[in-house]
Protein backbone atom coordinates (compact mmCIF):
# COMPACT_ATOMS: atom_id res chain seq x y z
CA MET A 1 -168.28 -75.80 -34.94
CA ILE A 2 -171.40 -76.36 -36.14
CA LYS A 3 -171.23 -78.82 -38.63
CA ARG A 4 -169.43 -81.15 -36.00
CA VAL A 5 -171.97 -80.68 -33.61
CA TYR A 6 -174.57 -81.37 -36.11
CA SER A 7 -172.40 -84.70 -37.35
CA ILE A 8 -171.64 -85.86 -33.75
CA GLY A 9 -175.32 -85.90 -33.01
CA LEU A 10 -176.29 -87.70 -36.29
CA ALA A 11 -173.60 -90.11 -35.55
CA VAL A 12 -174.90 -90.60 -32.01
CA LEU A 13 -178.55 -91.23 -33.29
CA THR A 14 -177.10 -93.49 -35.81
CA VAL A 15 -175.24 -95.68 -33.54
CA LEU A 16 -177.86 -96.01 -31.10
CA SER A 17 -180.71 -96.72 -33.69
CA SER A 18 -178.78 -99.26 -35.39
CA VAL A 19 -177.51 -101.26 -32.21
CA THR A 20 -181.21 -101.19 -31.28
CA ALA A 21 -182.46 -102.54 -34.55
CA MET A 22 -179.52 -105.31 -34.48
CA LEU A 23 -180.92 -106.35 -30.82
CA ILE A 24 -184.54 -106.70 -31.62
CA PHE A 25 -184.91 -108.00 -35.52
CA PRO A 26 -183.16 -111.06 -35.96
CA GLN A 27 -183.01 -110.48 -39.96
CA LEU A 28 -180.18 -108.01 -39.12
CA ASP A 29 -177.14 -110.30 -39.14
CA PRO A 30 -173.86 -109.21 -37.21
CA LEU A 31 -172.42 -108.38 -40.46
CA THR A 32 -174.98 -106.86 -42.44
CA GLY A 33 -175.88 -104.97 -39.12
CA VAL A 34 -171.89 -103.75 -39.47
CA VAL A 35 -172.35 -102.83 -42.77
CA GLY A 36 -175.14 -100.68 -42.63
CA LEU A 37 -174.29 -98.89 -39.66
CA LEU A 38 -171.10 -98.06 -41.49
CA VAL A 39 -172.76 -97.34 -44.53
CA GLN A 40 -174.99 -94.64 -42.37
CA LEU A 41 -172.18 -93.15 -40.76
CA ALA A 42 -170.72 -92.50 -44.18
CA GLY A 43 -174.05 -90.52 -45.31
CA VAL A 44 -173.76 -88.71 -41.91
CA VAL A 45 -170.39 -87.60 -42.88
CA VAL A 46 -171.26 -86.56 -46.39
CA VAL A 47 -174.48 -84.56 -45.22
CA GLY A 48 -172.47 -83.17 -42.83
CA TYR A 49 -169.39 -82.07 -44.28
CA LEU A 50 -169.31 -81.83 -47.95
CA ARG A 51 -170.94 -79.25 -50.17
CA PRO A 52 -174.81 -79.36 -50.17
CA PRO A 53 -175.86 -81.29 -53.65
CA PHE A 54 -173.87 -83.94 -52.48
CA ALA A 55 -175.79 -83.92 -49.26
CA GLY A 56 -178.82 -84.22 -50.49
CA LEU A 57 -177.81 -86.72 -53.17
CA ALA A 58 -176.15 -89.14 -50.13
CA LEU A 59 -179.69 -88.95 -48.22
CA LEU A 60 -181.58 -90.30 -50.79
CA LEU A 61 -179.38 -92.58 -51.31
CA VAL A 62 -178.78 -93.98 -47.56
CA THR A 63 -182.95 -93.53 -47.51
CA VAL A 64 -183.16 -95.55 -50.81
CA ALA A 65 -181.10 -98.53 -49.91
CA ALA A 66 -182.38 -98.46 -46.25
CA SER A 67 -185.62 -98.73 -47.82
CA TRP A 68 -185.72 -100.65 -50.97
CA LEU A 69 -183.03 -103.19 -50.95
CA PRO A 70 -183.32 -106.50 -49.31
CA THR A 71 -180.49 -106.40 -46.48
CA GLY A 72 -182.77 -106.51 -43.67
CA TRP A 73 -182.62 -102.94 -43.09
CA GLN A 74 -185.81 -102.49 -44.43
CA VAL A 75 -187.42 -103.55 -41.37
CA ALA A 76 -185.92 -101.07 -39.05
CA TYR A 77 -186.81 -98.42 -41.50
CA ASP A 78 -190.43 -99.57 -41.47
CA HIS A 79 -190.48 -99.56 -37.86
CA GLN A 80 -189.01 -96.05 -37.74
CA LEU A 81 -185.47 -96.84 -35.85
CA ILE A 82 -183.28 -95.42 -38.14
CA VAL A 83 -184.28 -91.88 -36.57
CA TRP A 84 -180.86 -90.44 -37.75
CA ILE A 85 -182.21 -89.38 -41.40
CA PRO A 86 -185.60 -86.84 -40.78
CA PHE A 87 -183.06 -84.93 -39.03
CA ALA A 88 -180.10 -85.18 -41.25
CA ALA A 89 -183.24 -83.67 -44.30
CA ALA A 90 -183.58 -80.52 -42.00
CA ILE A 91 -179.65 -80.27 -41.77
CA ALA A 92 -179.16 -81.16 -45.50
CA SER A 93 -182.02 -78.95 -46.86
CA ASN A 94 -180.76 -76.28 -44.62
CA ARG A 95 -177.32 -76.10 -45.54
CA VAL A 96 -178.61 -75.73 -49.62
CA ILE A 97 -180.02 -72.26 -48.86
CA SER A 98 -177.32 -71.09 -46.38
CA GLU A 99 -174.33 -72.90 -47.84
CA SER A 100 -174.63 -72.65 -51.89
CA ARG A 101 -172.18 -70.39 -53.43
CA SER A 102 -174.10 -70.35 -57.02
CA ARG A 103 -177.27 -70.73 -58.98
CA PRO A 104 -176.26 -74.34 -60.51
CA GLU A 105 -175.37 -75.51 -57.15
CA LEU A 106 -178.58 -74.27 -55.43
CA ILE A 107 -180.38 -76.06 -57.86
CA LEU A 108 -178.27 -79.48 -57.60
CA GLY A 109 -178.36 -79.57 -54.44
CA LEU A 110 -182.41 -78.92 -54.03
CA ALA A 111 -183.05 -81.47 -56.81
CA PRO A 112 -182.87 -84.47 -54.49
CA LEU A 113 -184.88 -83.32 -51.88
CA PRO A 114 -188.60 -83.57 -53.70
CA LEU A 115 -187.46 -87.50 -54.81
CA TRP A 116 -186.55 -87.73 -51.01
CA CYS A 117 -189.82 -86.60 -49.77
CA LEU A 118 -191.75 -89.09 -52.24
CA VAL A 119 -189.65 -91.89 -51.27
CA THR A 120 -190.70 -91.38 -47.50
CA ILE A 121 -193.90 -90.85 -48.44
CA GLY A 122 -194.61 -93.53 -50.84
CA ASN A 123 -192.93 -96.23 -48.27
CA ALA A 124 -195.67 -95.66 -45.77
CA ASP A 125 -199.52 -95.66 -46.31
CA PRO A 126 -200.79 -92.18 -48.11
CA SER A 127 -202.37 -90.30 -46.00
CA PRO A 128 -202.40 -86.44 -44.89
CA THR A 129 -200.27 -87.10 -42.12
CA THR A 130 -197.98 -89.17 -44.09
CA VAL A 131 -197.08 -86.44 -46.33
CA LEU A 132 -196.68 -83.92 -43.76
CA ALA A 133 -194.35 -86.24 -41.93
CA GLY A 134 -192.40 -86.67 -45.12
CA ILE A 135 -192.29 -83.50 -46.39
CA ALA A 136 -191.98 -81.49 -42.81
CA PRO A 137 -188.51 -81.71 -42.30
CA VAL A 138 -187.37 -80.81 -45.58
CA LEU A 139 -189.40 -77.70 -45.24
CA GLY A 140 -188.28 -77.44 -41.50
CA GLY A 141 -184.63 -77.12 -42.56
CA LEU A 142 -185.93 -74.42 -45.41
CA CYS A 143 -187.82 -72.40 -43.01
CA PHE A 144 -184.72 -72.13 -40.70
CA ALA A 145 -182.39 -71.24 -42.84
CA LEU A 146 -185.08 -68.66 -44.74
CA LEU A 147 -184.95 -67.49 -41.63
CA SER A 148 -181.51 -67.27 -40.77
CA ARG A 149 -180.50 -65.56 -44.09
CA LEU A 150 -183.55 -63.31 -43.36
CA GLY A 151 -181.96 -62.00 -39.95
CA ASP A 152 -178.34 -62.07 -41.06
CA ALA A 153 -180.47 -59.56 -44.12
CA ARG A 154 -181.94 -57.37 -41.07
CA ARG A 155 -178.59 -56.74 -39.74
CA ASP A 156 -176.94 -55.88 -42.64
CA ARG A 157 -179.10 -53.35 -43.18
CA LEU A 158 -179.12 -52.18 -39.76
CA ALA A 159 -175.52 -52.19 -40.09
CA ALA A 160 -175.99 -50.25 -43.13
CA LEU A 161 -178.41 -47.33 -42.05
CA GLU A 162 -175.99 -47.02 -38.65
CA GLN A 163 -173.01 -46.48 -41.51
CA GLU A 164 -175.27 -44.03 -43.56
CA ARG A 165 -175.85 -42.14 -40.28
CA ARG A 166 -173.07 -42.02 -39.03
CA THR A 167 -171.63 -40.64 -42.65
CA ALA A 168 -174.18 -38.40 -42.71
CA GLU A 169 -173.37 -36.92 -39.62
CA ARG A 170 -169.80 -36.80 -40.58
CA GLU A 171 -170.39 -34.68 -43.72
CA ARG A 172 -172.60 -32.62 -41.38
CA LEU A 173 -169.59 -31.86 -39.56
CA LEU A 174 -167.53 -31.07 -42.29
CA ALA A 175 -169.57 -28.87 -43.57
CA ASP A 176 -170.21 -26.86 -40.24
CA LEU A 177 -166.28 -26.70 -40.35
CA HIS A 178 -166.39 -25.60 -43.31
CA ASP A 179 -169.22 -22.66 -43.18
CA VAL A 180 -168.10 -21.75 -39.68
CA ILE A 181 -164.44 -21.56 -39.42
CA THR A 182 -163.86 -20.45 -42.85
CA HIS A 183 -166.16 -17.53 -42.59
CA ARG A 184 -164.56 -16.70 -39.39
CA ILE A 185 -161.05 -16.85 -40.92
CA THR A 186 -161.49 -15.39 -43.75
CA ARG A 187 -162.98 -12.21 -41.73
CA VAL A 188 -159.38 -12.15 -39.58
CA VAL A 189 -157.69 -12.43 -43.37
CA LEU A 190 -159.55 -9.30 -44.71
CA ARG A 191 -159.67 -7.43 -41.65
CA SER A 192 -156.04 -7.59 -41.38
CA ARG A 193 -155.24 -6.34 -44.70
CA GLN A 194 -157.39 -3.69 -43.74
CA LEU A 195 -155.59 -2.43 -40.74
CA ALA A 196 -152.27 -2.73 -42.29
CA ALA A 197 -153.10 -0.76 -45.10
CA VAL A 198 -153.65 2.55 -42.39
CA THR A 199 -151.28 1.79 -39.16
CA GLU A 200 -147.78 2.28 -38.65
CA PRO A 201 -144.95 -0.19 -39.55
CA PRO A 202 -144.47 -2.20 -36.26
CA VAL A 203 -148.14 -2.69 -36.26
CA ARG A 204 -148.26 -3.41 -40.15
CA ASP A 205 -145.85 -6.33 -39.66
CA GLY A 206 -147.66 -7.75 -37.11
CA LEU A 207 -150.64 -7.69 -39.23
CA SER A 208 -149.42 -9.13 -42.10
CA GLU A 209 -147.73 -12.09 -39.81
CA ILE A 210 -151.84 -12.81 -38.71
CA GLU A 211 -153.08 -12.59 -42.10
CA ARG A 212 -150.35 -15.24 -43.36
CA THR A 213 -151.09 -17.46 -40.36
CA ALA A 214 -154.80 -17.18 -41.24
CA THR A 215 -154.08 -17.94 -44.55
CA GLU A 216 -152.17 -21.12 -44.12
CA THR A 217 -154.39 -22.23 -41.72
CA LEU A 218 -157.49 -21.56 -44.49
CA THR A 219 -155.35 -23.97 -46.71
CA ALA A 220 -154.33 -26.97 -44.39
CA LEU A 221 -158.29 -26.64 -43.27
CA ARG A 222 -159.07 -26.54 -47.34
CA ASP A 223 -156.80 -29.96 -47.53
CA TYR A 224 -158.29 -31.69 -44.52
CA LEU A 225 -161.51 -31.56 -45.92
CA THR A 226 -160.61 -32.76 -49.43
CA ALA A 227 -158.88 -35.59 -47.78
CA ALA A 228 -161.92 -35.99 -45.19
CA ARG A 229 -164.20 -35.95 -48.60
CA PRO A 230 -162.91 -38.19 -51.15
CA GLY A 231 -166.45 -39.00 -53.01
CA GLU A 232 -166.38 -35.42 -54.02
CA PRO A 233 -165.58 -33.99 -57.53
CA THR A 234 -162.32 -33.59 -58.77
CA THR A 235 -161.18 -29.62 -58.71
CA THR A 236 -157.73 -28.24 -59.48
CA ASP A 237 -155.28 -28.10 -57.14
CA HIS A 238 -153.90 -24.92 -57.12
CA GLY A 239 -151.73 -25.48 -54.20
CA ALA A 240 -150.14 -28.30 -55.94
CA GLY A 241 -146.29 -28.43 -56.14
CA THR A 242 -142.71 -30.14 -56.61
CA VAL A 243 -141.24 -32.18 -53.86
CA ALA A 244 -138.24 -29.56 -54.71
CA ASP A 245 -140.83 -26.91 -53.52
CA LEU A 246 -141.70 -28.89 -50.66
CA ARG A 247 -137.82 -28.85 -49.61
CA THR A 248 -137.50 -25.33 -49.99
CA GLU A 249 -140.30 -24.62 -47.58
CA LEU A 250 -138.77 -26.96 -44.81
CA ALA A 251 -135.48 -24.86 -45.52
CA GLY A 252 -137.32 -22.36 -44.06
CA ILE A 253 -138.77 -24.28 -41.10
CA VAL A 254 -134.97 -25.23 -40.12
CA ALA A 255 -133.59 -21.44 -40.70
CA GLU A 256 -136.46 -20.57 -38.22
CA GLU A 257 -135.35 -23.30 -35.76
CA GLN A 258 -131.60 -22.52 -35.76
CA GLY A 259 -132.96 -18.52 -35.38
CA LEU A 260 -134.13 -20.29 -32.04
CA GLY A 261 -130.34 -21.84 -31.27
CA ARG A 262 -131.82 -25.33 -31.84
CA PRO A 263 -129.23 -27.31 -33.90
CA VAL A 264 -131.93 -28.44 -36.46
CA ALA A 265 -130.75 -29.38 -40.11
CA LEU A 266 -131.94 -30.63 -43.56
CA ALA A 267 -130.40 -33.62 -44.91
CA ASP A 268 -128.92 -33.35 -48.57
CA HIS A 269 -130.94 -33.59 -51.81
CA ASP A 270 -132.18 -37.52 -52.04
CA GLY A 271 -134.06 -38.45 -55.34
CA ASP A 272 -136.25 -37.26 -57.45
CA ASP A 273 -137.38 -33.49 -56.31
CA ARG A 274 -139.19 -33.22 -59.49
CA THR A 275 -141.95 -35.60 -58.39
CA MET A 276 -145.27 -33.51 -58.27
CA ILE A 277 -147.18 -33.70 -55.03
CA SER A 278 -150.84 -32.25 -53.75
CA SER A 279 -151.00 -29.71 -51.46
CA ALA A 280 -153.00 -32.22 -49.35
CA VAL A 281 -149.65 -34.19 -49.32
CA ARG A 282 -147.41 -30.65 -48.96
CA SER A 283 -149.41 -29.48 -45.76
CA CYS A 284 -149.09 -33.17 -44.31
CA LEU A 285 -145.58 -33.51 -44.67
CA LEU A 286 -145.12 -29.84 -43.28
CA ARG A 287 -147.20 -30.43 -40.28
CA ALA A 288 -145.40 -33.91 -39.65
CA ALA A 289 -142.04 -32.02 -39.66
CA ARG A 290 -143.20 -29.30 -37.61
CA GLU A 291 -145.06 -31.63 -35.10
CA ALA A 292 -141.67 -33.52 -34.92
CA LEU A 293 -139.96 -30.39 -34.25
CA THR A 294 -142.30 -29.78 -31.39
CA ASN A 295 -141.49 -32.91 -29.70
CA ALA A 296 -138.13 -32.93 -30.03
CA ALA A 297 -138.12 -29.47 -28.35
CA LYS A 298 -140.04 -31.04 -25.73
CA HIS A 299 -138.34 -33.87 -24.70
CA ALA A 300 -135.06 -33.50 -26.19
CA ALA A 301 -134.81 -29.56 -26.87
CA GLU A 302 -130.58 -29.78 -27.25
CA SER A 303 -129.91 -32.81 -29.21
CA PRO A 304 -129.25 -32.36 -32.85
CA VAL A 305 -132.52 -33.02 -35.14
CA MET A 306 -132.36 -34.41 -38.77
CA ILE A 307 -134.94 -33.56 -41.32
CA GLU A 308 -134.99 -36.39 -44.35
CA LEU A 309 -137.26 -36.00 -47.23
CA VAL A 310 -137.16 -38.67 -50.26
CA ALA A 311 -139.00 -38.95 -53.44
CA GLY A 312 -139.13 -42.19 -56.09
CA ARG A 313 -141.55 -44.37 -57.51
CA GLY A 314 -144.23 -42.66 -56.45
CA ARG A 315 -143.89 -41.71 -52.87
CA VAL A 316 -142.64 -39.15 -50.93
CA ARG A 317 -140.90 -40.08 -47.51
CA LEU A 318 -140.59 -37.44 -44.31
CA ALA A 319 -138.14 -38.50 -41.57
CA VAL A 320 -137.32 -36.00 -38.47
CA ILE A 321 -134.84 -38.04 -36.60
CA ASN A 322 -133.63 -36.60 -33.11
CA GLU A 323 -130.42 -37.77 -31.40
CA ALA A 324 -130.16 -39.12 -27.32
CA PRO A 325 -131.17 -36.57 -25.65
CA THR A 326 -128.17 -34.96 -23.25
CA GLU A 327 -130.57 -33.59 -20.40
CA GLY A 328 -133.93 -34.19 -19.33
CA PRO A 329 -137.01 -33.05 -20.66
CA ASP A 330 -138.00 -29.34 -20.78
CA VAL A 331 -140.91 -30.22 -17.71
CA ALA A 332 -143.00 -26.94 -18.69
CA LEU A 333 -143.36 -27.75 -22.58
CA ARG A 334 -143.78 -31.63 -21.95
CA GLY A 335 -146.78 -30.46 -19.55
CA SER A 336 -148.53 -28.45 -22.50
CA GLY A 337 -149.34 -31.33 -24.71
CA SER A 338 -152.19 -32.80 -25.04
CA GLY A 339 -150.68 -36.09 -26.62
CA THR A 340 -153.03 -35.83 -29.59
CA GLY A 341 -150.96 -34.88 -32.26
CA LEU A 342 -149.38 -37.78 -33.49
CA ARG A 343 -152.73 -39.33 -33.41
CA GLY A 344 -154.40 -36.78 -35.47
CA LEU A 345 -151.19 -36.60 -37.78
CA ALA A 346 -151.53 -40.63 -37.78
CA SER A 347 -155.64 -40.60 -39.34
CA ARG A 348 -154.79 -37.36 -41.71
CA CYS A 349 -151.83 -39.76 -43.15
CA GLN A 350 -154.21 -42.96 -43.37
CA LEU A 351 -156.52 -40.43 -45.27
CA LEU A 352 -154.29 -39.76 -47.94
CA GLY A 353 -153.36 -43.33 -48.48
CA GLY A 354 -150.32 -43.29 -46.50
CA ALA A 355 -148.94 -44.18 -42.82
CA LEU A 356 -146.89 -42.63 -39.95
CA THR A 357 -144.80 -44.34 -37.90
CA THR A 358 -142.57 -43.32 -34.31
CA GLY A 359 -140.20 -45.32 -32.10
CA PRO A 360 -136.79 -44.78 -30.44
CA GLU A 361 -133.62 -45.49 -32.56
CA PRO A 362 -130.92 -47.74 -31.94
CA SER A 363 -128.41 -44.69 -31.16
CA GLY A 364 -130.99 -43.72 -28.19
CA GLY A 365 -132.82 -40.92 -30.04
CA PHE A 366 -136.54 -40.80 -31.68
CA ALA A 367 -137.95 -40.83 -34.94
CA VAL A 368 -140.84 -39.59 -36.48
CA ARG A 369 -141.48 -41.19 -40.62
CA VAL A 370 -144.39 -40.10 -42.81
CA ASP A 371 -144.94 -42.27 -45.57
CA LEU A 372 -147.22 -40.93 -48.46
CA PRO A 373 -148.13 -41.48 -52.40
CA ALA A 374 -147.87 -38.84 -54.47
CA ALA A 375 -150.39 -39.86 -56.53
CA GLU A 376 -151.94 -38.30 -59.29
CA LEU A 377 -153.79 -34.75 -57.94
CA ALA A 378 -157.38 -35.60 -59.30
CA ALA A 379 -157.51 -38.63 -56.95
CA VAL A 380 -155.84 -36.89 -54.09
CA SER A 381 -157.55 -33.99 -54.29
CA GLY A 382 -160.98 -35.96 -54.98
């Protein structure tokens, strides 16, 4: 857009100055005037659109042709009627700084500009004013480009500082999350163990359940912190296992749901269940299964639900698909959700390098699908 504005402006100046010169000076016959105008317009196009080295060279050649060749345009140049040339010099020098892609291109783009200054100064009587007028367009373009780059660098630096601030704040929050929550949950685990050793069997069973749930929460928290801090040193993933282990855990979840009278099933083995996955991937898939089953209970409580787990080619895919609801949604359960479960799960999948997709099925049901990489354990846990 800026190049177009520059080029249109230079073209308008070229046409106006050329027409004025042809009207004032009889030395410019129509043919010479038209040819000179076309040459100048070609120079405008080169200065405005081609790479910087060509822009500076075209500016130099047009200036030499207008001021030295005996074509009649010398008179117009001497009377400073070719007014577009100084503006073109500023634009060309600006483009050399702002658009050069390499050092050779920068050098080639700058090389014609001192020669242009010498030609411009040499065509007038030597004086401080003449020298200043000859170098001012080039210096102006260079200064404007440098100021623009300085502004860009300042904005980039401010953006980098803001990103560093956000990263530091994120690290602080993660550290607080680790220090405070893990400390308190660990106390729950230890206290449950102490009480379980001295209480009656019914209470002991409940305390064991509390201990198991708290331990699972600690593991999930550790996996989240591992995924949220990809730059930390790699550690051994003690919770890693195979897809077969994950399938066993999913079978346990299915058994729990069936014990509650829900028509939930796990699809038969498909793929390579020997694939190794990290604890972060395993816990993410388990959480996805539980979240999808919870949503199905809210919106299609009586509808059959199928859980599919497939591994192969370095990836693990989980799908939880419920059939079309036969009754209306459970109003009480539906109103209990905050809507953040799937969004949080999607963020977690993204941290692990995968994706979560949800949507209706052609049959009228609803599906939650998770696709995660079964990456190297070091890559996942680091």
